[in-house]
Every structure is written in C-alpha cells, then in structure tokens.
Amino acid sequence: MPPRLVTNATAAARKTIGSLGLGNARGRIAFLLYEFAQTMVVRGLIGAPTDPLPLRQDHIADATGRTNVHVNRMIAQLRRDRILSGSGKVLEIADMTGLRSIAGIKW
C-alpha cells in the first residue's frame, strides 16, 4: 500500500476513534452508523448508504461502549425521528443528512 494511502487511513481511523469516544449515546451511534455506511459503499459491499446495514445492536453496543438496552432505545428514538428505518432486525438509514448532523460530522 502506498505511504499516502496509509497516512490517509491512519488519519481517518484517528477521527473515527476520537469521535466514538466523545458525545452522547445518540451522537456516538449516529457517527458509527454514518461512517459504517460510507465505508460499506466505498468498499462495494452495499450499493448506497441507505441500503440495509449488516449490523446488530450488540455490534453497535460494543463499538460505542453502551449497553444493548441503551442502544435499543437510541435506535428506537432515531426511528421515531425518521433518521433510521427498517423493521425488526433490518436497519436502514432514511435520512443521511440528519444522521450526519446528529453525529456532529462537519468534514
């Protein structure tokens, strides 16, 4: 891998780790979902950020340092706010702009 790509990947990883460690649960979860969806698109694993995401609540809980119960409540709130959609175990991003705003992403 060329050094420039390694440097870019390292910088992106630092931003992600730093952002996951800051803010409230809603913001952390929004950040994780936004970054995950973007990464999945770039790698060709999903066609668009609004496609169903292969994430479970326990994955989100582990990544954000929250309990499954707390993540469940935050996801329910994001669904009520129409930021997320999907029923049952299917999680889809309905409003990328809203998700980005909640996540506090400015870049």
N, C-alpha and C. Protein backbone atom coordinates (compact mmCIF):
# COMPACT_ATOMS: atom_id res chain seq x y z
N MET A 1 0.86 -1.17 0.00
CA MET A 1 0.00 0.00 0.00
C MET A 1 0.90 1.23 0.00
N PRO A 2 0.62 2.21 -0.87
CA PRO A 2 1.45 3.42 -0.92
C PRO A 2 1.39 4.19 0.40
N PRO A 3 2.50 4.85 0.78
CA PRO A 3 2.54 5.57 2.07
C PRO A 3 1.42 6.60 2.23
N ARG A 4 1.03 7.26 1.13
CA ARG A 4 -0.02 8.28 1.22
C ARG A 4 -1.35 7.65 1.65
N LEU A 5 -1.65 6.47 1.12
CA LEU A 5 -2.89 5.79 1.49
C LEU A 5 -2.87 5.35 2.95
N VAL A 6 -1.71 4.91 3.40
CA VAL A 6 -1.58 4.50 4.80
C VAL A 6 -1.78 5.71 5.71
N THR A 7 -1.19 6.84 5.34
CA THR A 7 -1.34 8.07 6.13
C THR A 7 -2.80 8.50 6.17
N ASN A 8 -3.49 8.46 5.02
CA ASN A 8 -4.90 8.83 4.97
C ASN A 8 -5.75 7.88 5.82
N ALA A 9 -5.48 6.59 5.73
CA ALA A 9 -6.23 5.61 6.51
C ALA A 9 -6.00 5.80 8.00
N THR A 10 -4.77 6.11 8.38
CA THR A 10 -4.45 6.35 9.78
C THR A 10 -5.18 7.58 10.30
N ALA A 11 -5.19 8.65 9.53
CA ALA A 11 -5.89 9.87 9.93
C ALA A 11 -7.38 9.62 10.07
N ALA A 12 -7.95 8.88 9.13
CA ALA A 12 -9.38 8.57 9.19
C ALA A 12 -9.70 7.72 10.42
N ALA A 13 -8.84 6.76 10.72
CA ALA A 13 -9.05 5.91 11.89
C ALA A 13 -8.99 6.72 13.18
N ARG A 14 -8.08 7.65 13.25
CA ARG A 14 -7.98 8.50 14.45
C ARG A 14 -9.23 9.35 14.63
N LYS A 15 -9.76 9.91 13.54
CA LYS A 15 -11.00 10.69 13.62
C LYS A 15 -12.15 9.81 14.11
N THR A 16 -12.25 8.62 13.56
CA THR A 16 -13.32 7.72 13.92
C THR A 16 -13.24 7.33 15.39
N ILE A 17 -12.08 6.92 15.83
CA ILE A 17 -11.90 6.51 17.23
C ILE A 17 -12.16 7.66 18.17
N GLY A 18 -11.65 8.83 17.82
CA GLY A 18 -11.88 10.01 18.64
C GLY A 18 -13.35 10.38 18.73
N SER A 19 -14.04 10.32 17.62
CA SER A 19 -15.46 10.68 17.60
C SER A 19 -16.33 9.68 18.33
N LEU A 20 -15.97 8.41 18.27
CA LEU A 20 -16.74 7.41 19.00
C LEU A 20 -16.59 7.56 20.51
N GLY A 21 -15.50 8.15 20.95
CA GLY A 21 -15.25 8.31 22.37
C GLY A 21 -15.86 9.57 22.96
N LEU A 22 -16.40 10.44 22.12
CA LEU A 22 -16.95 11.71 22.57
C LEU A 22 -18.46 11.76 22.37
N GLY A 23 -19.10 12.63 23.11
CA GLY A 23 -20.51 12.88 22.88
C GLY A 23 -21.44 11.92 23.58
N ASN A 24 -22.72 12.16 23.35
CA ASN A 24 -23.74 11.34 23.98
C ASN A 24 -23.97 10.07 23.16
N ALA A 25 -24.78 9.19 23.69
CA ALA A 25 -25.02 7.90 23.03
C ALA A 25 -25.64 8.08 21.65
N ARG A 26 -26.57 8.99 21.53
CA ARG A 26 -27.22 9.21 20.24
C ARG A 26 -26.20 9.65 19.19
N GLY A 27 -25.34 10.58 19.57
CA GLY A 27 -24.31 11.06 18.65
C GLY A 27 -23.30 9.99 18.29
N ARG A 28 -22.90 9.19 19.27
CA ARG A 28 -21.94 8.10 19.02
C ARG A 28 -22.52 7.08 18.04
N ILE A 29 -23.78 6.72 18.28
CA ILE A 29 -24.42 5.73 17.43
C ILE A 29 -24.60 6.29 16.02
N ALA A 30 -25.02 7.54 15.93
CA ALA A 30 -25.18 8.17 14.62
C ALA A 30 -23.85 8.21 13.88
N PHE A 31 -22.78 8.55 14.58
CA PHE A 31 -21.46 8.60 13.95
C PHE A 31 -21.06 7.23 13.43
N LEU A 32 -21.22 6.23 14.27
CA LEU A 32 -20.86 4.87 13.86
C LEU A 32 -21.64 4.43 12.63
N LEU A 33 -22.95 4.64 12.63
CA LEU A 33 -23.78 4.23 11.50
C LEU A 33 -23.41 4.98 10.23
N TYR A 34 -23.17 6.27 10.35
CA TYR A 34 -22.79 7.07 9.18
C TYR A 34 -21.48 6.58 8.59
N GLU A 35 -20.46 6.45 9.42
CA GLU A 35 -19.15 6.01 8.95
C GLU A 35 -19.19 4.59 8.40
N PHE A 36 -19.93 3.72 9.06
CA PHE A 36 -20.04 2.34 8.62
C PHE A 36 -20.69 2.27 7.24
N ALA A 37 -21.79 3.00 7.06
CA ALA A 37 -22.49 3.00 5.77
C ALA A 37 -21.58 3.55 4.66
N GLN A 38 -20.87 4.63 4.95
CA GLN A 38 -19.97 5.21 3.95
C GLN A 38 -18.87 4.23 3.57
N THR A 39 -18.30 3.58 4.55
CA THR A 39 -17.23 2.61 4.30
C THR A 39 -17.75 1.43 3.49
N MET A 40 -18.92 0.95 3.81
CA MET A 40 -19.50 -0.18 3.08
C MET A 40 -19.73 0.18 1.60
N VAL A 41 -20.15 1.41 1.34
CA VAL A 41 -20.35 1.86 -0.04
C VAL A 41 -19.02 1.92 -0.78
N VAL A 42 -18.03 2.55 -0.15
CA VAL A 42 -16.71 2.70 -0.78
C VAL A 42 -16.12 1.34 -1.12
N ARG A 43 -16.31 0.37 -0.26
CA ARG A 43 -15.76 -0.97 -0.49
C ARG A 43 -16.64 -1.84 -1.38
N GLY A 44 -17.76 -1.28 -1.82
CA GLY A 44 -18.64 -2.01 -2.72
C GLY A 44 -19.45 -3.11 -2.06
N LEU A 45 -19.61 -3.04 -0.75
CA LEU A 45 -20.36 -4.08 -0.04
C LEU A 45 -21.86 -3.81 -0.01
N ILE A 46 -22.23 -2.54 -0.15
CA ILE A 46 -23.61 -2.16 -0.35
C ILE A 46 -23.63 -1.13 -1.47
N GLY A 47 -24.78 -0.97 -2.11
CA GLY A 47 -24.85 -0.06 -3.26
C GLY A 47 -24.99 1.40 -2.89
N ALA A 48 -25.67 1.67 -1.77
CA ALA A 48 -25.91 3.04 -1.34
C ALA A 48 -25.97 3.06 0.19
N PRO A 49 -25.70 4.23 0.80
CA PRO A 49 -25.73 4.30 2.26
C PRO A 49 -27.10 4.01 2.85
N THR A 50 -28.13 4.08 2.03
CA THR A 50 -29.49 3.81 2.52
C THR A 50 -29.89 2.34 2.40
N ASP A 51 -29.00 1.50 1.87
CA ASP A 51 -29.27 0.06 1.81
C ASP A 51 -29.24 -0.53 3.23
N PRO A 52 -29.89 -1.67 3.43
CA PRO A 52 -29.85 -2.31 4.76
C PRO A 52 -28.42 -2.57 5.22
N LEU A 53 -28.17 -2.27 6.49
CA LEU A 53 -26.82 -2.44 7.06
C LEU A 53 -26.72 -3.76 7.81
N PRO A 54 -25.61 -4.46 7.62
CA PRO A 54 -25.41 -5.74 8.33
C PRO A 54 -24.85 -5.54 9.73
N LEU A 55 -25.59 -4.84 10.57
CA LEU A 55 -25.18 -4.57 11.94
C LEU A 55 -26.26 -5.03 12.90
N ARG A 56 -25.83 -5.58 14.01
CA ARG A 56 -26.77 -5.94 15.07
C ARG A 56 -26.57 -4.97 16.22
N GLN A 57 -27.54 -4.90 17.10
CA GLN A 57 -27.45 -3.99 18.22
C GLN A 57 -26.26 -4.28 19.11
N ASP A 58 -25.91 -5.56 19.26
CA ASP A 58 -24.76 -5.86 20.11
C ASP A 58 -23.46 -5.37 19.48
N HIS A 59 -23.38 -5.34 18.15
CA HIS A 59 -22.20 -4.77 17.49
C HIS A 59 -22.10 -3.28 17.80
N ILE A 60 -23.23 -2.60 17.68
CA ILE A 60 -23.27 -1.17 17.94
C ILE A 60 -22.93 -0.89 19.40
N ALA A 61 -23.47 -1.68 20.31
CA ALA A 61 -23.19 -1.52 21.74
C ALA A 61 -21.70 -1.68 22.02
N ASP A 62 -21.10 -2.71 21.47
CA ASP A 62 -19.66 -2.95 21.68
C ASP A 62 -18.83 -1.78 21.15
N ALA A 63 -19.17 -1.30 19.97
CA ALA A 63 -18.38 -0.24 19.34
C ALA A 63 -18.52 1.11 20.03
N THR A 64 -19.66 1.35 20.66
CA THR A 64 -19.90 2.65 21.27
C THR A 64 -19.78 2.65 22.79
N GLY A 65 -19.56 1.48 23.37
CA GLY A 65 -19.41 1.41 24.83
C GLY A 65 -20.72 1.58 25.57
N ARG A 66 -21.82 1.21 24.95
CA ARG A 66 -23.14 1.31 25.56
C ARG A 66 -23.72 -0.09 25.74
N THR A 67 -24.77 -0.19 26.53
CA THR A 67 -25.42 -1.48 26.71
C THR A 67 -26.38 -1.74 25.55
N ASN A 68 -26.74 -3.00 25.35
CA ASN A 68 -27.71 -3.34 24.31
C ASN A 68 -29.04 -2.62 24.54
N VAL A 69 -29.45 -2.51 25.79
CA VAL A 69 -30.71 -1.85 26.11
C VAL A 69 -30.65 -0.37 25.70
N HIS A 70 -29.54 0.28 26.03
CA HIS A 70 -29.40 1.70 25.69
C HIS A 70 -29.38 1.89 24.17
N VAL A 71 -28.67 1.03 23.47
CA VAL A 71 -28.62 1.10 22.01
C VAL A 71 -30.02 0.89 21.44
N ASN A 72 -30.75 -0.06 21.98
CA ASN A 72 -32.12 -0.31 21.52
C ASN A 72 -32.97 0.95 21.66
N ARG A 73 -32.85 1.65 22.78
CA ARG A 73 -33.62 2.88 22.99
C ARG A 73 -33.20 3.97 22.01
N MET A 74 -31.91 4.10 21.77
CA MET A 74 -31.42 5.13 20.85
C MET A 74 -31.85 4.84 19.41
N ILE A 75 -31.82 3.57 19.03
CA ILE A 75 -32.26 3.20 17.68
C ILE A 75 -33.76 3.46 17.54
N ALA A 76 -34.52 3.13 18.57
CA ALA A 76 -35.97 3.40 18.55
C ALA A 76 -36.22 4.90 18.41
N GLN A 77 -35.44 5.71 19.12
CA GLN A 77 -35.59 7.16 19.02
C GLN A 77 -35.24 7.65 17.61
N LEU A 78 -34.15 7.14 17.05
CA LEU A 78 -33.76 7.52 15.69
C LEU A 78 -34.80 7.08 14.66
N ARG A 79 -35.46 5.97 14.91
CA ARG A 79 -36.56 5.53 14.03
C ARG A 79 -37.76 6.46 14.17
N ARG A 80 -38.10 6.84 15.40
CA ARG A 80 -39.21 7.78 15.61
C ARG A 80 -38.94 9.12 14.94
N ASP A 81 -37.69 9.54 14.95
CA ASP A 81 -37.29 10.81 14.32
C ASP A 81 -37.13 10.68 12.81
N ARG A 82 -37.37 9.48 12.29
CA ARG A 82 -37.29 9.16 10.86
C ARG A 82 -35.87 9.33 10.29
N ILE A 83 -34.88 9.13 11.16
CA ILE A 83 -33.48 9.12 10.72
C ILE A 83 -33.14 7.72 10.24
N LEU A 84 -33.64 6.72 10.96
CA LEU A 84 -33.47 5.32 10.59
C LEU A 84 -34.82 4.75 10.20
N SER A 85 -34.77 3.71 9.37
CA SER A 85 -36.00 2.99 9.02
C SER A 85 -35.69 1.50 9.04
N GLY A 86 -36.63 0.72 8.60
CA GLY A 86 -36.47 -0.72 8.63
C GLY A 86 -37.23 -1.28 9.82
N SER A 87 -37.66 -2.50 9.67
CA SER A 87 -38.42 -3.11 10.75
C SER A 87 -37.66 -4.30 11.32
N GLY A 88 -37.94 -4.60 12.55
CA GLY A 88 -37.29 -5.74 13.19
C GLY A 88 -35.78 -5.59 13.21
N LYS A 89 -35.10 -6.57 12.64
CA LYS A 89 -33.63 -6.59 12.68
C LYS A 89 -32.99 -5.85 11.51
N VAL A 90 -33.81 -5.34 10.58
CA VAL A 90 -33.28 -4.63 9.42
C VAL A 90 -33.10 -3.16 9.79
N LEU A 91 -31.89 -2.67 9.59
CA LEU A 91 -31.57 -1.29 9.92
C LEU A 91 -31.16 -0.56 8.64
N GLU A 92 -31.88 0.50 8.31
CA GLU A 92 -31.59 1.30 7.12
C GLU A 92 -31.53 2.76 7.52
N ILE A 93 -30.68 3.51 6.84
CA ILE A 93 -30.59 4.94 7.08
C ILE A 93 -31.57 5.63 6.15
N ALA A 94 -32.54 6.34 6.72
CA ALA A 94 -33.56 7.02 5.92
C ALA A 94 -33.16 8.46 5.62
N ASP A 95 -32.36 9.06 6.50
CA ASP A 95 -32.00 10.48 6.36
C ASP A 95 -30.51 10.65 6.66
N MET A 96 -29.68 10.57 5.59
CA MET A 96 -28.22 10.69 5.78
C MET A 96 -27.84 12.07 6.30
N THR A 97 -28.50 13.12 5.82
CA THR A 97 -28.18 14.47 6.28
C THR A 97 -28.49 14.63 7.76
N GLY A 98 -29.64 14.11 8.17
CA GLY A 98 -30.00 14.16 9.59
C GLY A 98 -29.05 13.35 10.45
N LEU A 99 -28.67 12.17 9.96
CA LEU A 99 -27.74 11.32 10.70
C LEU A 99 -26.39 12.02 10.85
N ARG A 100 -25.93 12.62 9.78
CA ARG A 100 -24.65 13.34 9.79
C ARG A 100 -24.71 14.50 10.79
N SER A 101 -25.81 15.19 10.84
CA SER A 101 -25.98 16.31 11.77
C SER A 101 -25.95 15.83 13.21
N ILE A 102 -26.68 14.76 13.52
CA ILE A 102 -26.70 14.21 14.88
C ILE A 102 -25.31 13.73 15.27
N ALA A 103 -24.58 13.17 14.31
CA ALA A 103 -23.23 12.65 14.56
C ALA A 103 -22.22 13.77 14.78
N GLY A 104 -22.57 14.98 14.39
CA GLY A 104 -21.65 16.11 14.55
C GLY A 104 -20.54 16.11 13.52
N ILE A 105 -20.79 15.51 12.37
CA ILE A 105 -19.78 15.42 11.32
C ILE A 105 -19.81 16.71 10.53
N LYS A 106 -18.63 17.37 10.47
CA LYS A 106 -18.54 18.63 9.76
C LYS A 106 -17.59 18.55 8.58
N TRP A 107 -16.89 17.42 8.43
CA TRP A 107 -15.95 17.32 7.32
C TRP A 107 -16.57 16.65 6.13
